């Protein structure tokens, strides 16, 4: 994965905001790293830590996918100089392994940037929509992956 030992865990919003700001918000016309639902009681934030530095993040909103309970993945990213080392994949596998224990759910879905869609499809997500635009951010697709009790990461 990478030379340094990393720890993936659920974290506070304050711990992940610097990564979200640097990776998700940078290069967009958004003026804030805060997302609607960040402070909802059921929202979870996860971080990837190298020592005490957060180098990757994701936010999970408990919601629905086609009428069934599911987790919405938002704001997933890894700082630029640590990308392409398996950190995002490890974070995604951590979430897939632990989210079903947090609340009843059938799977995980996201609105993925067009540029990130190949990453998610390699990890078993299916493209579920036509290309659409999110204002101030760019082109996206809706993706979904069901949870499988037999899946091991």
C-alpha atoms as a PDB file:
ATOM      1  CA  UNK A   1       0.000   0.000   0.000  1.00  0.00           C
ATOM      2  CA  UNK A   2       2.546   2.623   1.105  1.00  0.00           C
ATOM      3  CA  UNK A   3       5.844   2.707   2.971  1.00  0.00           C
ATOM      4  CA  UNK A   4       4.427   4.300   6.140  1.00  0.00           C
ATOM      5  CA  UNK A   5       2.020   2.544   8.457  1.00  0.00           C
ATOM      6  CA  UNK A   6      -1.467   3.994   8.147  1.00  0.00           C
ATOM      7  CA  UNK A   7      -4.526   3.728  10.364  1.00  0.00           C
ATOM      8  CA  UNK A   8      -8.071   3.906   9.016  1.00  0.00           C
ATOM      9  CA  UNK A   9     -10.781   4.793  11.505  1.00  0.00           C
ATOM     10  CA  UNK A  10     -13.952   6.753  12.048  1.00  0.00           C
ATOM     11  CA  UNK A  11     -13.006  10.337  12.813  1.00  0.00           C
ATOM     12  CA  UNK A  12     -14.424  13.742  13.641  1.00  0.00           C
ATOM     13  CA  UNK A  13     -15.425  16.234  10.985  1.00  0.00           C
ATOM     14  CA  UNK A  14     -12.680  18.570  12.208  1.00  0.00           C
ATOM     15  CA  UNK A  15     -10.064  15.863  11.599  1.00  0.00           C
ATOM     16  CA  UNK A  16     -11.062  15.318   7.967  1.00  0.00           C
ATOM     17  CA  UNK A  17     -11.897  18.877   6.886  1.00  0.00           C
ATOM     18  CA  UNK A  18      -8.324  19.816   5.864  1.00  0.00           C
ATOM     19  CA  UNK A  19      -8.192  16.875   3.420  1.00  0.00           C
ATOM     20  CA  UNK A  20     -11.678  17.575   2.119  1.00  0.00           C
ATOM     21  CA  UNK A  21     -10.731  21.217   1.547  1.00  0.00           C
ATOM     22  CA  UNK A  22      -7.453  20.345  -0.221  1.00  0.00           C
ATOM     23  CA  UNK A  23      -8.761  17.486  -2.368  1.00  0.00           C
ATOM     24  CA  UNK A  24     -12.512  17.835  -2.830  1.00  0.00           C
ATOM     25  CA  UNK A  25     -13.041  21.603  -2.725  1.00  0.00           C
ATOM     26  CA  UNK A  26      -9.818  22.803  -4.397  1.00  0.00           C
ATOM     27  CA  UNK A  27     -10.331  23.522  -8.081  1.00  0.00           C
ATOM     28  CA  UNK A  28     -14.087  23.958  -7.760  1.00  0.00           C
ATOM     29  CA  UNK A  29     -16.156  27.078  -7.337  1.00  0.00           C
ATOM     30  CA  UNK A  30     -17.378  25.920  -3.929  1.00  0.00           C
ATOM     31  CA  UNK A  31     -16.632  28.334  -1.122  1.00  0.00           C
ATOM     32  CA  UNK A  32     -16.937  25.962   1.827  1.00  0.00           C
ATOM     33  CA  UNK A  33     -15.731  22.459   2.721  1.00  0.00           C
ATOM     34  CA  UNK A  34     -18.934  21.836   4.711  1.00  0.00           C
ATOM     35  CA  UNK A  35     -21.628  19.639   3.175  1.00  0.00           C
ATOM     36  CA  UNK A  36     -25.323  19.499   4.051  1.00  0.00           C
ATOM     37  CA  UNK A  37     -25.796  16.683   6.557  1.00  0.00           C
ATOM     38  CA  UNK A  38     -22.255  16.811   7.964  1.00  0.00           C
ATOM     39  CA  UNK A  39     -23.620  17.370  11.452  1.00  0.00           C
ATOM     40  CA  UNK A  40     -26.556  14.925  11.295  1.00  0.00           C
ATOM     41  CA  UNK A  41     -26.487  12.429  14.189  1.00  0.00           C
ATOM     42  CA  UNK A  42     -26.327   9.453  11.789  1.00  0.00           C
ATOM     43  CA  UNK A  43     -23.530  10.895   9.610  1.00  0.00           C
ATOM     44  CA  UNK A  44     -20.134   9.223   9.874  1.00  0.00           C
ATOM     45  CA  UNK A  45     -16.737  10.576   8.901  1.00  0.00           C
ATOM     46  CA  UNK A  46     -13.746   8.334   8.268  1.00  0.00           C
ATOM     47  CA  UNK A  47     -10.096   9.218   7.991  1.00  0.00           C
ATOM     48  CA  UNK A  48      -6.844   7.656   6.928  1.00  0.00           C
ATOM     49  CA  UNK A  49      -4.035   8.691   9.242  1.00  0.00           C
ATOM     50  CA  UNK A  50      -0.283   8.552   8.828  1.00  0.00           C
ATOM     51  CA  UNK A  51       0.822   9.057  12.410  1.00  0.00           C
ATOM     52  CA  UNK A  52      -1.423  11.981  13.443  1.00  0.00           C
ATOM     53  CA  UNK A  53      -1.812  13.526   9.982  1.00  0.00           C
ATOM     54  CA  UNK A  54      -5.062  12.864   8.138  1.00  0.00           C
ATOM     55  CA  UNK A  55      -4.184  11.954   4.532  1.00  0.00           C
ATOM     56  CA  UNK A  56      -7.533  10.592   3.319  1.00  0.00           C
ATOM     57  CA  UNK A  57     -11.192  11.045   4.140  1.00  0.00           C
ATOM     58  CA  UNK A  58     -14.774  10.076   3.429  1.00  0.00           C
ATOM     59  CA  UNK A  59     -18.182  11.067   4.754  1.00  0.00           C
ATOM     60  CA  UNK A  60     -21.145   8.673   4.949  1.00  0.00           C
ATOM     61  CA  UNK A  61     -24.734   9.824   5.154  1.00  0.00           C
ATOM     62  CA  UNK A  62     -27.311   7.252   6.162  1.00  0.00           C
ATOM     63  CA  UNK A  63     -29.925   7.502   3.431  1.00  0.00           C
ATOM     64  CA  UNK A  64     -31.681   5.356   0.827  1.00  0.00           C
ATOM     65  CA  UNK A  65     -31.003   3.843  -2.534  1.00  0.00           C
ATOM     66  CA  UNK A  66     -34.149   3.031  -4.547  1.00  0.00           C
ATOM     67  CA  UNK A  67     -36.248   2.868  -1.392  1.00  0.00           C
ATOM     68  CA  UNK A  68     -33.909   0.626   0.614  1.00  0.00           C
ATOM     69  CA  UNK A  69     -31.568   1.794   3.397  1.00  0.00           C
ATOM     70  CA  UNK A  70     -28.074   2.559   2.121  1.00  0.00           C
ATOM     71  CA  UNK A  71     -25.075   4.738   2.861  1.00  0.00           C
ATOM     72  CA  UNK A  72     -24.269   7.702   0.643  1.00  0.00           C
ATOM     73  CA  UNK A  73     -20.526   8.188   0.223  1.00  0.00           C
ATOM     74  CA  UNK A  74     -19.493  11.829  -0.076  1.00  0.00           C
ATOM     75  CA  UNK A  75     -16.251  13.756  -0.088  1.00  0.00           C
ATOM     76  CA  UNK A  76     -13.893  10.824  -0.463  1.00  0.00           C
ATOM     77  CA  UNK A  77     -10.329  11.796  -1.263  1.00  0.00           C
ATOM     78  CA  UNK A  78      -6.621  11.288  -0.591  1.00  0.00           C
ATOM     79  CA  UNK A  79      -4.060  14.103  -0.503  1.00  0.00           C
ATOM     80  CA  UNK A  80      -2.280  14.533  -3.823  1.00  0.00           C
ATOM     81  CA  UNK A  81       1.170  13.266  -2.876  1.00  0.00           C
ATOM     82  CA  UNK A  82      -0.279  10.012  -1.455  1.00  0.00           C
ATOM     83  CA  UNK A  83      -2.656   9.143  -4.309  1.00  0.00           C
ATOM     84  CA  UNK A  84      -2.244   5.996  -6.459  1.00  0.00           C
ATOM     85  CA  UNK A  85      -0.809   3.975  -3.552  1.00  0.00           C
ATOM     86  CA  UNK A  86      -3.896   1.975  -2.584  1.00  0.00           C
ATOM     87  CA  UNK A  87      -4.987   4.299   0.239  1.00  0.00           C
ATOM     88  CA  UNK A  88      -8.370   5.111  -1.298  1.00  0.00           C
ATOM     89  CA  UNK A  89      -8.966   1.434  -2.002  1.00  0.00           C
ATOM     90  CA  UNK A  90      -8.097   0.537   1.603  1.00  0.00           C
ATOM     91  CA  UNK A  91     -10.475   3.229   2.883  1.00  0.00           C
ATOM     92  CA  UNK A  92     -13.275   1.943   0.677  1.00  0.00           C
ATOM     93  CA  UNK A  93     -12.717  -1.636   1.861  1.00  0.00           C
ATOM     94  CA  UNK A  94     -12.762  -0.445   5.492  1.00  0.00           C
ATOM     95  CA  UNK A  95     -16.125   1.234   4.880  1.00  0.00           C
ATOM     96  CA  UNK A  96     -17.596  -1.783   3.108  1.00  0.00           C
ATOM     97  CA  UNK A  97     -16.520  -3.990   6.001  1.00  0.00           C
ATOM     98  CA  UNK A  98     -17.724  -1.743   8.850  1.00  0.00           C
ATOM     99  CA  UNK A  99     -20.769   0.174   7.585  1.00  0.00           C
ATOM    100  CA  UNK A 100     -23.184  -2.787   7.700  1.00  0.00           C
ATOM    101  CA  UNK A 101     -22.471  -2.970  11.460  1.00  0.00           C
ATOM    102  CA  UNK A 102     -23.382   0.710  11.946  1.00  0.00           C
ATOM    103  CA  UNK A 103     -26.982   0.530  10.693  1.00  0.00           C
ATOM    104  CA  UNK A 104     -29.115  -1.785   8.543  1.00  0.00           C
ATOM    105  CA  UNK A 105     -28.252  -1.105   4.918  1.00  0.00           C
ATOM    106  CA  UNK A 106     -28.189  -2.799   1.539  1.00  0.00           C
ATOM    107  CA  UNK A 107     -25.192  -1.020   0.064  1.00  0.00           C
ATOM    108  CA  UNK A 108     -23.284   2.153  -0.644  1.00  0.00           C
ATOM    109  CA  UNK A 109     -23.825   4.767  -3.347  1.00  0.00           C
ATOM    110  CA  UNK A 110     -22.262   8.007  -4.482  1.00  0.00           C
ATOM    111  CA  UNK A 111     -22.326  10.803  -6.983  1.00  0.00           C
ATOM    112  CA  UNK A 112     -18.838  10.266  -8.401  1.00  0.00           C
ATOM    113  CA  UNK A 113     -16.900  12.807 -10.390  1.00  0.00           C
ATOM    114  CA  UNK A 114     -16.455  11.648 -13.947  1.00  0.00           C
ATOM    115  CA  UNK A 115     -12.691  11.441 -13.387  1.00  0.00           C
ATOM    116  CA  UNK A 116     -13.165   9.197 -10.309  1.00  0.00           C
ATOM    117  CA  UNK A 117     -15.690   6.836 -11.906  1.00  0.00           C
ATOM    118  CA  UNK A 118     -13.041   4.340 -13.166  1.00  0.00           C
ATOM    119  CA  UNK A 119     -11.699   3.972  -9.597  1.00  0.00           C
ATOM    120  CA  UNK A 120     -15.142   3.067  -8.284  1.00  0.00           C
ATOM    121  CA  UNK A 121     -16.010   0.700 -11.126  1.00  0.00           C
ATOM    122  CA  UNK A 122     -12.727  -1.175 -10.543  1.00  0.00           C
ATOM    123  CA  UNK A 123     -13.913  -1.607  -6.947  1.00  0.00           C
ATOM    124  CA  UNK A 124     -17.226  -3.168  -8.002  1.00  0.00           C
ATOM    125  CA  UNK A 125     -19.517  -0.150  -8.183  1.00  0.00           C
ATOM    126  CA  UNK A 126     -21.969  -0.008 -11.069  1.00  0.00           C
ATOM    127  CA  UNK A 127     -22.752   3.157 -13.006  1.00  0.00           C
ATOM    128  CA  UNK A 128     -26.476   3.756 -12.441  1.00  0.00           C
ATOM    129  CA  UNK A 129     -27.116   7.019 -14.282  1.00  0.00           C
ATOM    130  CA  UNK A 130     -26.358   9.086 -17.295  1.00  0.00           C
ATOM    131  CA  UNK A 131     -23.688  11.753 -16.916  1.00  0.00           C
ATOM    132  CA  UNK A 132     -24.989  14.827 -15.047  1.00  0.00           C
ATOM    133  CA  UNK A 133     -23.533  18.117 -13.856  1.00  0.00           C
ATOM    134  CA  UNK A 134     -23.206  19.283 -10.271  1.00  0.00           C
ATOM    135  CA  UNK A 135     -23.052  23.052 -10.260  1.00  0.00           C
ATOM    136  CA  UNK A 136     -19.640  24.496  -9.366  1.00  0.00           C
ATOM    137  CA  UNK A 137     -18.078  21.019  -9.370  1.00  0.00           C
ATOM    138  CA  UNK A 138     -18.494  19.342 -12.774  1.00  0.00           C
ATOM    139  CA  UNK A 139     -19.688  16.129 -14.473  1.00  0.00           C
ATOM    140  CA  UNK A 140     -20.738  13.181 -12.305  1.00  0.00           C
ATOM    141  CA  UNK A 141     -22.376   9.747 -12.408  1.00  0.00           C
ATOM    142  CA  UNK A 142     -24.469   7.955  -9.772  1.00  0.00           C
ATOM    143  CA  UNK A 143     -22.819   4.685  -8.721  1.00  0.00           C
ATOM    144  CA  UNK A 144     -24.000   1.895  -6.438  1.00  0.00           C
ATOM    145  CA  UNK A 145     -22.500  -1.193  -4.844  1.00  0.00           C
ATOM    146  CA  UNK A 146     -24.529  -3.673  -2.784  1.00  0.00           C
ATOM    147  CA  UNK A 147     -23.045  -5.026   0.403  1.00  0.00           C
ATOM    148  CA  UNK A 148     -22.220  -8.699   0.263  1.00  0.00           C
ATOM    149  CA  UNK A 149     -21.903 -10.693   3.499  1.00  0.00           C
ATOM    150  CA  UNK A 150     -19.473 -13.032   1.737  1.00  0.00           C
ATOM    151  CA  UNK A 151     -17.159 -10.247   0.614  1.00  0.00           C
ATOM    152  CA  UNK A 152     -13.791 -10.137   2.335  1.00  0.00           C
ATOM    153  CA  UNK A 153     -11.284  -7.317   1.879  1.00  0.00           C
END
